[in-house]
Amino acid sequence: MSSAPNCGLGAIGQIALQVSDADRAERFYRDTLGLPMLFRFGEQMFFDCCGVRLMLEGGHEPRGPGHASFCIYLRTAAIEPAVALLKANGVYFEQEPHVVARMPDHALWMAFFRDPDNNLLALMEERRHATP
């Protein structure tokens, strides 16, 4: 029986990778690997990997072996209670939950934190707009 808090975390919603050249990365992931492209916003590209979103963010310096530059985003239905519960269990958040993008049908909320090995993680909530 697990003693871990029930934060309402679900499937991985998104994985982000930093890339040096956005156009080259887009061609590789879309044309070479054949991943369906969802959309592009400036230097950020989003692909569908069977329901897990892959975000590539261009404009970063190339990194050598052993220097990962990624973020794993965990879905939650309610970000504020999940953050509060994790904080109560000793997790330090780099930022409070905040809106990072406003889409036609939802607002994307995120809160970033790190694991014990300093790997970047985030909680994400796609908060749907109320319908009139």
N, C-alpha and C. Protein backbone atom coordinates (compact mmCIF):
# COMPACT_ATOMS: atom_id res chain seq x y z
N MET A 1 0.83 -1.17 0.00
CA MET A 1 0.00 0.00 0.00
C MET A 1 0.88 1.24 0.00
N SER A 2 0.60 2.17 -0.90
CA SER A 2 1.43 3.35 -1.06
C SER A 2 1.03 4.44 -0.08
N SER A 3 2.03 5.17 0.41
CA SER A 3 1.76 6.30 1.29
C SER A 3 1.87 7.62 0.53
N ALA A 4 2.01 7.55 -0.81
CA ALA A 4 2.14 8.76 -1.61
C ALA A 4 0.84 9.54 -1.61
N PRO A 5 0.92 10.86 -1.68
CA PRO A 5 -0.29 11.68 -1.70
C PRO A 5 -1.06 11.46 -3.00
N ASN A 6 -2.38 11.52 -2.93
CA ASN A 6 -3.20 11.42 -4.13
C ASN A 6 -3.43 12.84 -4.64
N CYS A 7 -2.61 13.24 -5.59
CA CYS A 7 -2.66 14.60 -6.13
C CYS A 7 -3.53 14.70 -7.37
N GLY A 8 -4.14 13.60 -7.76
CA GLY A 8 -4.96 13.61 -8.96
C GLY A 8 -4.11 13.68 -10.22
N LEU A 9 -2.85 13.25 -10.15
CA LEU A 9 -2.00 13.28 -11.33
C LEU A 9 -2.35 12.11 -12.22
N GLY A 10 -2.36 12.36 -13.51
CA GLY A 10 -2.71 11.32 -14.46
C GLY A 10 -1.59 11.04 -15.42
N ALA A 11 -1.98 10.83 -16.65
CA ALA A 11 -1.03 10.48 -17.70
C ALA A 11 -0.07 11.63 -17.97
N ILE A 12 1.04 11.27 -18.59
CA ILE A 12 1.95 12.32 -19.06
C ILE A 12 1.22 13.06 -20.16
N GLY A 13 1.14 14.37 -20.02
CA GLY A 13 0.44 15.18 -21.00
C GLY A 13 1.36 15.75 -22.06
N GLN A 14 2.61 16.00 -21.67
CA GLN A 14 3.53 16.63 -22.62
C GLN A 14 4.96 16.37 -22.18
N ILE A 15 5.83 16.23 -23.15
CA ILE A 15 7.27 16.18 -22.91
C ILE A 15 7.88 17.26 -23.78
N ALA A 16 8.74 18.08 -23.20
CA ALA A 16 9.37 19.17 -23.93
C ALA A 16 10.85 18.89 -24.11
N LEU A 17 11.34 19.18 -25.32
CA LEU A 17 12.75 19.06 -25.62
C LEU A 17 13.24 20.39 -26.17
N GLN A 18 14.43 20.79 -25.77
CA GLN A 18 15.05 21.99 -26.32
C GLN A 18 15.87 21.59 -27.54
N VAL A 19 15.75 22.37 -28.61
CA VAL A 19 16.49 22.11 -29.83
C VAL A 19 17.18 23.39 -30.27
N SER A 20 18.27 23.24 -31.04
CA SER A 20 19.02 24.42 -31.46
C SER A 20 18.40 25.09 -32.69
N ASP A 21 17.85 24.31 -33.61
CA ASP A 21 17.31 24.85 -34.86
C ASP A 21 15.88 24.35 -35.03
N ALA A 22 14.92 25.25 -34.86
CA ALA A 22 13.50 24.86 -34.89
C ALA A 22 13.09 24.30 -36.25
N ASP A 23 13.53 24.92 -37.33
CA ASP A 23 13.13 24.45 -38.67
C ASP A 23 13.69 23.07 -38.95
N ARG A 24 14.95 22.85 -38.61
CA ARG A 24 15.57 21.53 -38.82
C ARG A 24 14.86 20.47 -37.97
N ALA A 25 14.56 20.82 -36.71
CA ALA A 25 13.86 19.88 -35.83
C ALA A 25 12.47 19.57 -36.36
N GLU A 26 11.78 20.59 -36.85
CA GLU A 26 10.44 20.36 -37.41
C GLU A 26 10.50 19.36 -38.57
N ARG A 27 11.44 19.55 -39.47
CA ARG A 27 11.57 18.63 -40.60
C ARG A 27 11.88 17.21 -40.12
N PHE A 28 12.78 17.09 -39.15
CA PHE A 28 13.15 15.76 -38.66
C PHE A 28 11.96 15.06 -38.02
N TYR A 29 11.30 15.72 -37.06
CA TYR A 29 10.21 15.07 -36.32
C TYR A 29 8.97 14.85 -37.20
N ARG A 30 8.68 15.81 -38.10
CA ARG A 30 7.50 15.68 -38.96
C ARG A 30 7.78 14.80 -40.17
N ASP A 31 8.84 15.12 -40.92
CA ASP A 31 9.07 14.44 -42.19
C ASP A 31 9.83 13.13 -42.06
N THR A 32 10.87 13.12 -41.23
CA THR A 32 11.68 11.91 -41.09
C THR A 32 11.01 10.90 -40.18
N LEU A 33 10.56 11.35 -38.99
CA LEU A 33 9.92 10.42 -38.06
C LEU A 33 8.44 10.19 -38.36
N GLY A 34 7.82 11.14 -39.07
CA GLY A 34 6.42 10.99 -39.44
C GLY A 34 5.43 11.29 -38.33
N LEU A 35 5.86 12.07 -37.32
CA LEU A 35 4.93 12.42 -36.24
C LEU A 35 3.94 13.48 -36.73
N PRO A 36 2.67 13.32 -36.41
CA PRO A 36 1.68 14.33 -36.80
C PRO A 36 1.93 15.64 -36.06
N MET A 37 2.06 16.72 -36.83
CA MET A 37 2.27 18.04 -36.22
C MET A 37 0.92 18.63 -35.85
N LEU A 38 0.82 19.06 -34.60
CA LEU A 38 -0.42 19.67 -34.13
C LEU A 38 -0.47 21.14 -34.51
N PHE A 39 0.59 21.89 -34.15
CA PHE A 39 0.68 23.30 -34.51
C PHE A 39 2.07 23.81 -34.19
N ARG A 40 2.36 24.99 -34.71
CA ARG A 40 3.63 25.66 -34.43
C ARG A 40 3.31 27.07 -34.00
N PHE A 41 4.04 27.53 -32.97
CA PHE A 41 3.89 28.88 -32.45
C PHE A 41 5.29 29.45 -32.30
N GLY A 42 5.75 30.22 -33.28
CA GLY A 42 7.09 30.76 -33.24
C GLY A 42 8.13 29.66 -33.27
N GLU A 43 8.96 29.60 -32.24
CA GLU A 43 10.02 28.59 -32.14
C GLU A 43 9.54 27.31 -31.47
N GLN A 44 8.27 27.24 -31.10
CA GLN A 44 7.73 26.05 -30.44
C GLN A 44 6.86 25.26 -31.41
N MET A 45 7.12 23.96 -31.47
CA MET A 45 6.34 23.06 -32.30
C MET A 45 5.75 21.97 -31.43
N PHE A 46 4.56 21.53 -31.77
CA PHE A 46 3.86 20.53 -30.98
C PHE A 46 3.45 19.37 -31.89
N PHE A 47 3.81 18.15 -31.46
CA PHE A 47 3.52 16.94 -32.22
C PHE A 47 2.70 16.00 -31.35
N ASP A 48 1.92 15.13 -32.02
CA ASP A 48 1.13 14.13 -31.30
C ASP A 48 1.86 12.80 -31.34
N CYS A 49 2.14 12.26 -30.18
CA CYS A 49 2.77 10.94 -30.05
C CYS A 49 1.77 10.00 -29.39
N CYS A 50 0.74 9.62 -30.15
CA CYS A 50 -0.31 8.73 -29.64
C CYS A 50 -0.94 9.25 -28.36
N GLY A 51 -1.26 10.54 -28.35
CA GLY A 51 -1.94 11.14 -27.21
C GLY A 51 -1.03 11.86 -26.24
N VAL A 52 0.27 11.65 -26.33
CA VAL A 52 1.22 12.43 -25.52
C VAL A 52 1.78 13.51 -26.43
N ARG A 53 1.71 14.75 -25.97
CA ARG A 53 2.17 15.87 -26.78
C ARG A 53 3.68 16.04 -26.61
N LEU A 54 4.39 16.17 -27.72
CA LEU A 54 5.82 16.46 -27.72
C LEU A 54 6.00 17.90 -28.15
N MET A 55 6.61 18.71 -27.27
CA MET A 55 6.89 20.10 -27.59
C MET A 55 8.37 20.25 -27.84
N LEU A 56 8.72 20.84 -28.97
CA LEU A 56 10.10 21.17 -29.28
C LEU A 56 10.24 22.68 -29.22
N GLU A 57 11.24 23.14 -28.51
CA GLU A 57 11.45 24.58 -28.36
C GLU A 57 12.81 24.93 -28.94
N GLY A 58 12.79 25.69 -30.03
CA GLY A 58 14.01 26.04 -30.74
C GLY A 58 14.75 27.21 -30.11
N GLY A 59 15.95 27.43 -30.64
CA GLY A 59 16.75 28.57 -30.22
C GLY A 59 17.68 28.32 -29.06
N HIS A 60 17.92 27.08 -28.70
CA HIS A 60 18.79 26.75 -27.58
C HIS A 60 20.15 26.29 -28.09
N GLU A 61 21.16 26.52 -27.30
CA GLU A 61 22.51 26.05 -27.64
C GLU A 61 22.52 24.53 -27.63
N PRO A 62 23.20 23.93 -28.60
CA PRO A 62 23.33 22.46 -28.58
C PRO A 62 24.02 22.01 -27.29
N ARG A 63 23.59 20.90 -26.76
CA ARG A 63 24.18 20.37 -25.53
C ARG A 63 24.88 19.06 -25.83
N GLY A 64 25.94 18.82 -25.11
CA GLY A 64 26.70 17.59 -25.31
C GLY A 64 26.05 16.42 -24.60
N PRO A 65 26.63 15.24 -24.78
CA PRO A 65 26.11 14.05 -24.10
C PRO A 65 26.09 14.25 -22.58
N GLY A 66 25.06 13.74 -21.96
CA GLY A 66 24.94 13.83 -20.50
C GLY A 66 24.33 15.12 -20.01
N HIS A 67 23.90 16.00 -20.92
CA HIS A 67 23.28 17.26 -20.53
C HIS A 67 21.86 17.31 -21.08
N ALA A 68 20.95 16.67 -20.39
CA ALA A 68 19.56 16.61 -20.85
C ALA A 68 18.91 17.98 -20.72
N SER A 69 18.03 18.27 -21.64
CA SER A 69 17.27 19.52 -21.59
C SER A 69 15.83 19.19 -21.96
N PHE A 70 15.10 18.71 -20.96
CA PHE A 70 13.74 18.28 -21.20
C PHE A 70 12.88 18.62 -20.00
N CYS A 71 11.58 18.47 -20.19
CA CYS A 71 10.64 18.64 -19.09
C CYS A 71 9.50 17.66 -19.32
N ILE A 72 9.09 16.97 -18.26
CA ILE A 72 7.94 16.07 -18.33
C ILE A 72 6.77 16.77 -17.64
N TYR A 73 5.66 16.86 -18.34
CA TYR A 73 4.46 17.53 -17.85
C TYR A 73 3.43 16.48 -17.45
N LEU A 74 2.97 16.55 -16.21
CA LEU A 74 1.98 15.60 -15.70
C LEU A 74 0.61 16.28 -15.67
N ARG A 75 -0.38 15.61 -16.24
CA ARG A 75 -1.74 16.17 -16.26
C ARG A 75 -2.38 16.08 -14.88
N THR A 76 -3.17 17.08 -14.56
CA THR A 76 -4.01 17.05 -13.37
C THR A 76 -5.30 17.78 -13.70
N ALA A 77 -6.38 17.37 -13.07
CA ALA A 77 -7.68 18.00 -13.33
C ALA A 77 -7.83 19.30 -12.55
N ALA A 78 -7.08 19.46 -11.47
CA ALA A 78 -7.18 20.66 -10.63
C ALA A 78 -5.78 20.99 -10.10
N ILE A 79 -5.14 21.97 -10.71
CA ILE A 79 -3.73 22.24 -10.42
C ILE A 79 -3.50 22.82 -9.03
N GLU A 80 -4.35 23.72 -8.57
CA GLU A 80 -4.11 24.34 -7.26
C GLU A 80 -4.12 23.33 -6.11
N PRO A 81 -5.12 22.45 -6.00
CA PRO A 81 -5.07 21.46 -4.92
C PRO A 81 -3.89 20.49 -5.04
N ALA A 82 -3.52 20.14 -6.28
CA ALA A 82 -2.38 19.25 -6.47
C ALA A 82 -1.10 19.92 -5.99
N VAL A 83 -0.91 21.19 -6.32
CA VAL A 83 0.27 21.93 -5.86
C VAL A 83 0.28 22.02 -4.34
N ALA A 84 -0.86 22.34 -3.75
CA ALA A 84 -0.94 22.47 -2.29
C ALA A 84 -0.56 21.15 -1.61
N LEU A 85 -1.06 20.05 -2.13
CA LEU A 85 -0.75 18.75 -1.53
C LEU A 85 0.73 18.40 -1.67
N LEU A 86 1.29 18.66 -2.85
CA LEU A 86 2.71 18.38 -3.04
C LEU A 86 3.58 19.29 -2.18
N LYS A 87 3.21 20.55 -2.04
CA LYS A 87 3.95 21.46 -1.16
C LYS A 87 3.92 20.95 0.27
N ALA A 88 2.78 20.45 0.71
CA ALA A 88 2.65 19.91 2.06
C ALA A 88 3.56 18.70 2.26
N ASN A 89 3.93 18.06 1.16
CA ASN A 89 4.82 16.90 1.22
C ASN A 89 6.26 17.27 0.87
N GLY A 90 6.59 18.57 0.91
CA GLY A 90 7.97 19.01 0.76
C GLY A 90 8.44 19.36 -0.63
N VAL A 91 7.54 19.40 -1.60
CA VAL A 91 7.95 19.76 -2.96
C VAL A 91 8.03 21.28 -3.06
N TYR A 92 9.14 21.78 -3.61
CA TYR A 92 9.32 23.21 -3.84
C TYR A 92 8.95 23.53 -5.28
N PHE A 93 8.07 24.49 -5.47
CA PHE A 93 7.66 24.91 -6.81
C PHE A 93 8.40 26.19 -7.19
N GLU A 94 8.92 26.21 -8.41
CA GLU A 94 9.66 27.36 -8.90
C GLU A 94 8.74 28.54 -9.18
N GLN A 95 7.49 28.26 -9.49
CA GLN A 95 6.48 29.29 -9.73
C GLN A 95 5.13 28.76 -9.25
N GLU A 96 4.28 29.67 -8.85
CA GLU A 96 2.91 29.28 -8.52
C GLU A 96 2.18 28.92 -9.81
N PRO A 97 1.10 28.15 -9.73
CA PRO A 97 0.34 27.83 -10.95
C PRO A 97 -0.06 29.12 -11.68
N HIS A 98 0.11 29.10 -12.99
CA HIS A 98 -0.20 30.28 -13.79
C HIS A 98 -0.59 29.87 -15.20
N VAL A 99 -1.27 30.76 -15.89
CA VAL A 99 -1.68 30.52 -17.27
C VAL A 99 -0.49 30.76 -18.18
N VAL A 100 -0.19 29.78 -19.04
CA VAL A 100 0.91 29.95 -19.99
C VAL A 100 0.40 30.16 -21.41
N ALA A 101 -0.85 29.78 -21.68
CA ALA A 101 -1.42 29.98 -23.01
C ALA A 101 -2.94 29.98 -22.92
N ARG A 102 -3.54 30.84 -23.71
CA ARG A 102 -5.00 30.88 -23.80
C ARG A 102 -5.38 30.37 -25.19
N MET A 103 -6.12 29.27 -25.20
CA MET A 103 -6.57 28.65 -26.44
C MET A 103 -8.05 28.99 -26.63
N PRO A 104 -8.61 28.72 -27.82
CA PRO A 104 -10.02 29.05 -28.04
C PRO A 104 -10.97 28.38 -27.04
N ASP A 105 -10.66 27.14 -26.62
CA ASP A 105 -11.59 26.42 -25.75
C ASP A 105 -11.08 26.17 -24.34
N HIS A 106 -9.83 26.56 -24.04
CA HIS A 106 -9.29 26.33 -22.69
C HIS A 106 -8.09 27.24 -22.41
N ALA A 107 -7.77 27.34 -21.15
CA ALA A 107 -6.55 28.02 -20.71
C ALA A 107 -5.60 26.94 -20.20
N LEU A 108 -4.34 27.03 -20.58
CA LEU A 108 -3.35 26.05 -20.15
C LEU A 108 -2.60 26.60 -18.94
N TRP A 109 -2.77 25.91 -17.80
CA TRP A 109 -2.14 26.28 -16.54
C TRP A 109 -0.96 25.36 -16.29
N MET A 110 0.12 25.92 -15.71
CA MET A 110 1.29 25.09 -15.38
C MET A 110 1.92 25.56 -14.08
N ALA A 111 2.63 24.63 -13.46
CA ALA A 111 3.45 24.91 -12.27
C ALA A 111 4.67 24.01 -12.36
N PHE A 112 5.86 24.58 -12.22
CA PHE A 112 7.12 23.86 -12.42
C PHE A 112 7.81 23.53 -11.11
N PHE A 113 8.42 22.34 -11.07
CA PHE A 113 9.18 21.89 -9.90
C PHE A 113 10.25 20.93 -10.36
N ARG A 114 11.12 20.50 -9.45
CA ARG A 114 12.21 19.60 -9.81
C ARG A 114 12.20 18.37 -8.91
N ASP A 115 12.70 17.27 -9.47
CA ASP A 115 12.81 16.05 -8.68
C ASP A 115 14.13 16.10 -7.89
N PRO A 116 14.42 15.09 -7.07
CA PRO A 116 15.64 15.12 -6.26
C PRO A 116 16.94 15.18 -7.07
N ASP A 117 16.88 14.80 -8.36
CA ASP A 117 18.07 14.88 -9.20
C ASP A 117 18.09 16.14 -10.06
N ASN A 118 17.22 17.10 -9.73
CA ASN A 118 17.14 18.40 -10.40
C ASN A 118 16.55 18.32 -11.81
N ASN A 119 15.85 17.23 -12.14
CA ASN A 119 15.14 17.15 -13.42
C ASN A 119 13.89 18.00 -13.35
N LEU A 120 13.61 18.74 -14.42
CA LEU A 120 12.47 19.63 -14.45
C LEU A 120 11.18 18.85 -14.73
N LEU A 121 10.18 19.10 -13.91
CA LEU A 121 8.85 18.51 -14.05
C LEU A 121 7.82 19.63 -13.98
N ALA A 122 6.63 19.37 -14.46
CA ALA A 122 5.58 20.37 -14.38
C ALA A 122 4.23 19.69 -14.22
N LEU A 123 3.34 20.37 -13.53
CA LEU A 123 1.93 19.98 -13.51
C LEU A 123 1.25 20.82 -14.58
N MET A 124 0.29 20.23 -15.28
CA MET A 124 -0.46 20.98 -16.28
C MET A 124 -1.95 20.68 -16.16
N GLU A 125 -2.72 21.74 -16.28
CA GLU A 125 -4.18 21.62 -16.30
C GLU A 125 -4.69 22.36 -17.51
N GLU A 126 -5.51 21.69 -18.31
CA GLU A 126 -6.20 22.33 -19.42
C GLU A 126 -7.58 22.70 -18.92
N ARG A 127 -7.71 23.92 -18.45
CA ARG A 127 -8.96 24.38 -17.84
C ARG A 127 -9.90 24.89 -18.93
N ARG A 128 -10.97 24.12 -19.14
CA ARG A 128 -11.93 24.46 -20.17
C ARG A 128 -12.70 25.72 -19.81
N HIS A 129 -13.01 26.51 -20.83
CA HIS A 129 -13.80 27.72 -20.63
C HIS A 129 -15.26 27.34 -20.34
N ALA A 130 -15.87 28.09 -19.47
CA ALA A 130 -17.28 27.85 -19.16
C ALA A 130 -18.11 28.16 -20.40
N THR A 131 -19.10 27.30 -20.65
CA THR A 131 -19.98 27.53 -21.78
C THR A 131 -21.20 28.31 -21.31
N PRO A 132 -21.62 29.27 -22.12
CA PRO A 132 -22.77 30.10 -21.70
C PRO A 132 -24.07 29.36 -21.67
